[in-house]
Each structure stands twice: as structure tokens, then as C-alpha cells.
Amino acid sequence: MADRRARPVFPPLFSTYRRRRNSGRRKTDPPGYVDVYDAGTWGVALSILLLSMVDALLTGFQIRRGLVREANPLMNMVLVHCGHYSFISLKLALTAMPLAILVLHREWGVARYAARICLWAYLFLTCYHLYLALSLPR
């Protein structure tokens, strides 16, 4: 048998080409951290980020038209003092950081539940924004 230490490891250990573990082998295995995330996890995470961006854009658009005001006092202060680009950037950052923690802990039931609740909340919020955009006078 050849000595494995003599040859280089390719692809590198942390690349996406070499799958190490994506969940427990048995249903009775306790949840833990994984190296590879499935398409459903990425779909939920990217949907939340996209809906967060849509929320920020529609909020900014409706505020500029004078139809609504920002209800969050901190985000309203950022909007007034720093402008729309800072508002959108901060909103996306404040969504992405906790979302990264949820994706990292995706094997835990509470993280999956929290991600789905967040997704549904952003879906309802986007529908509310669209309702406001279509029903308010121009």
C-alpha cells in the first residue's frame, strides 16, 4: 500500500468538490455541524436575502413618494442621516448576519423553524408592500 502522505491532496480538503459530510448517517444520530449544505437550505437563505432587498427597495421607494414612513426608529435615523444606499446596505447586513448563523446551524430544528418563520414573514411583508403600492393614490 502506498504512503498517502507522499502525494498532495487534490482537490483541497475545504473545496466543494470533496464532500465530507452532509448529515448524520442514521436517523438516531444527534444533529451537528455539516460541511455541505443542500439546495433547500441555500434556496431558503437566498430567498430571505432577496426578499429583504425587495423590502428595502420598496420601503425606500414608498418613502420617497411620501406615502409611508419607516416604522423602525433606528432604520429611520439611518435613512434620514445617511441616505437610501446606507439604509439598504445596513438592512441587508442586518439580515445576512443572523441568516448565516441559521444556515450554519441548519441541522438544529429551531434553526430550520426560525428560517422558515423569517421566510414567511418576508413573504407577507412583500405582499403588504405590493398592496400598498397598488392601493394608495398616486
Protein backbone atom coordinates (compact mmCIF):
# COMPACT_ATOMS: atom_id res chain seq x y z
CA MET A 1 0.00 0.00 0.00
CA ALA A 2 1.34 3.42 -0.98
CA ASP A 3 2.06 6.09 1.59
CA ARG A 4 -0.74 8.68 1.35
CA ARG A 5 1.42 11.36 2.95
CA ALA A 6 3.75 11.38 -0.06
CA ARG A 7 1.28 12.73 -2.59
CA PRO A 8 -0.52 16.09 -2.41
CA VAL A 9 -4.20 16.16 -1.65
CA PHE A 10 -6.18 17.46 -4.60
CA PRO A 11 -8.77 18.88 -4.55
CA PRO A 12 -8.01 20.70 -1.29
CA LEU A 13 -9.79 19.47 1.81
CA PHE A 14 -12.01 22.54 2.09
CA SER A 15 -13.16 22.71 -1.50
CA THR A 16 -16.68 21.98 -2.65
CA TYR A 17 -15.55 19.14 -4.89
CA ARG A 18 -14.77 16.84 -2.00
CA ARG A 19 -17.87 16.11 0.07
CA ARG A 20 -17.14 15.13 3.62
CA ARG A 21 -20.42 15.04 5.45
CA ASN A 22 -23.85 16.50 4.94
CA SER A 23 -25.76 15.00 7.89
CA GLY A 24 -25.78 12.06 10.25
CA ARG A 25 -25.66 8.56 8.84
CA ARG A 26 -28.63 7.33 10.83
CA LYS A 27 -31.85 8.99 11.86
CA THR A 28 -30.91 8.47 15.50
CA ASP A 29 -27.67 10.47 15.14
CA PRO A 30 -27.72 13.76 17.05
CA PRO A 31 -27.73 16.95 14.97
CA GLY A 32 -24.36 18.52 14.36
CA TYR A 33 -22.47 20.79 12.03
CA VAL A 34 -22.13 19.91 8.37
CA ASP A 35 -19.73 20.77 5.57
CA VAL A 36 -22.15 20.67 2.65
CA TYR A 37 -25.49 22.46 2.51
CA ASP A 38 -28.35 21.17 0.42
CA ALA A 39 -30.26 23.11 -2.24
CA GLY A 40 -33.22 23.67 0.09
CA THR A 41 -31.06 25.43 2.67
CA TRP A 42 -29.49 27.66 0.01
CA GLY A 43 -32.91 28.33 -1.51
CA VAL A 44 -34.40 29.49 1.78
CA ALA A 45 -31.35 31.62 2.62
CA LEU A 46 -31.18 33.30 -0.79
CA SER A 47 -34.96 33.84 -0.81
CA ILE A 48 -34.77 35.60 2.55
CA LEU A 49 -31.93 37.83 1.32
CA LEU A 50 -33.76 38.62 -1.91
CA LEU A 51 -36.99 39.43 -0.10
CA SER A 52 -35.05 41.60 2.35
CA MET A 53 -33.64 43.56 -0.58
CA VAL A 54 -37.10 43.90 -2.13
CA ASP A 55 -38.42 45.13 1.23
CA ALA A 56 -35.65 47.74 1.46
CA LEU A 57 -36.18 48.92 -2.12
CA LEU A 58 -39.97 49.14 -1.82
CA THR A 59 -39.69 50.90 1.53
CA GLY A 60 -37.29 53.45 0.07
CA PHE A 61 -39.49 53.94 -2.99
CA GLN A 62 -42.64 54.45 -0.92
CA ILE A 63 -40.86 56.81 1.48
CA ARG A 64 -39.56 58.94 -1.41
CA ARG A 65 -43.10 59.18 -2.78
CA GLY A 66 -44.29 60.35 0.66
CA LEU A 67 -46.78 57.51 1.06
CA VAL A 68 -45.31 55.83 4.15
CA ARG A 69 -42.63 56.32 6.79
CA GLU A 70 -40.12 53.91 8.28
CA ALA A 71 -41.53 52.40 11.48
CA ASN A 72 -38.17 51.25 12.90
CA PRO A 73 -36.61 54.27 14.69
CA LEU A 74 -33.02 53.08 14.15
CA MET A 75 -33.51 52.45 10.43
CA ASN A 76 -35.40 55.76 10.13
CA MET A 77 -32.40 57.55 11.64
CA VAL A 78 -30.06 55.83 9.16
CA LEU A 79 -32.41 56.74 6.32
CA VAL A 80 -32.63 60.41 7.34
CA HIS A 81 -28.95 60.97 8.18
CA CYS A 82 -27.11 58.61 5.81
CA GLY A 83 -29.38 58.15 2.80
CA HIS A 84 -31.00 55.32 0.91
CA TYR A 85 -27.83 53.43 -0.04
CA SER A 86 -26.73 53.19 3.60
CA PHE A 87 -30.26 52.17 4.57
CA ILE A 88 -30.30 49.32 2.04
CA SER A 89 -26.75 48.21 2.93
CA LEU A 90 -27.46 48.15 6.66
CA LYS A 91 -30.75 46.33 6.17
CA LEU A 92 -29.08 43.62 4.08
CA ALA A 93 -26.21 43.29 6.57
CA LEU A 94 -28.63 43.00 9.48
CA THR A 95 -30.43 40.25 7.58
CA ALA A 96 -27.34 38.40 6.32
CA MET A 97 -25.50 38.07 9.65
CA PRO A 98 -28.23 36.23 11.58
CA LEU A 99 -29.09 34.28 8.44
CA ALA A 100 -25.51 32.98 8.27
CA ILE A 101 -25.88 31.72 11.84
CA LEU A 102 -29.15 29.98 10.92
CA VAL A 103 -27.54 28.32 7.89
CA LEU A 104 -24.59 27.20 9.98
CA HIS A 105 -26.98 25.57 12.48
CA ARG A 106 -29.33 24.13 9.85
CA GLU A 107 -29.29 20.65 11.41
CA TRP A 108 -30.97 22.00 14.54
CA GLY A 109 -34.75 22.04 14.46
CA VAL A 110 -35.04 25.50 15.99
CA ALA A 111 -32.81 26.99 13.25
CA ARG A 112 -34.89 25.39 10.48
CA TYR A 113 -38.06 26.65 12.15
CA ALA A 114 -36.64 30.18 12.57
CA ALA A 115 -35.53 30.31 8.92
CA ARG A 116 -38.97 29.29 7.70
CA ILE A 117 -40.68 31.82 10.01
CA CYS A 118 -38.35 34.52 8.66
CA LEU A 119 -39.12 33.50 5.08
CA TRP A 120 -42.87 33.60 5.66
CA ALA A 121 -42.60 36.96 7.45
CA TYR A 122 -40.73 38.47 4.49
CA LEU A 123 -43.27 36.98 2.06
CA PHE A 124 -46.14 38.58 3.96
CA LEU A 125 -44.22 41.87 4.24
CA THR A 126 -43.55 41.89 0.49
CA CYS A 127 -47.23 41.23 -0.21
CA TYR A 128 -48.12 44.11 2.12
CA HIS A 129 -45.70 46.43 0.28
CA LEU A 130 -47.23 45.43 -3.05
CA TYR A 131 -50.71 46.00 -1.66
CA LEU A 132 -49.69 49.48 -0.50
CA ALA A 133 -48.06 50.27 -3.85
CA LEU A 134 -51.19 49.25 -5.77
CA SER A 135 -53.87 50.69 -3.48
CA LEU A 136 -52.51 54.08 -2.39
CA PRO A 137 -53.28 57.13 -4.53
CA ARG A 138 -50.52 58.23 -6.87
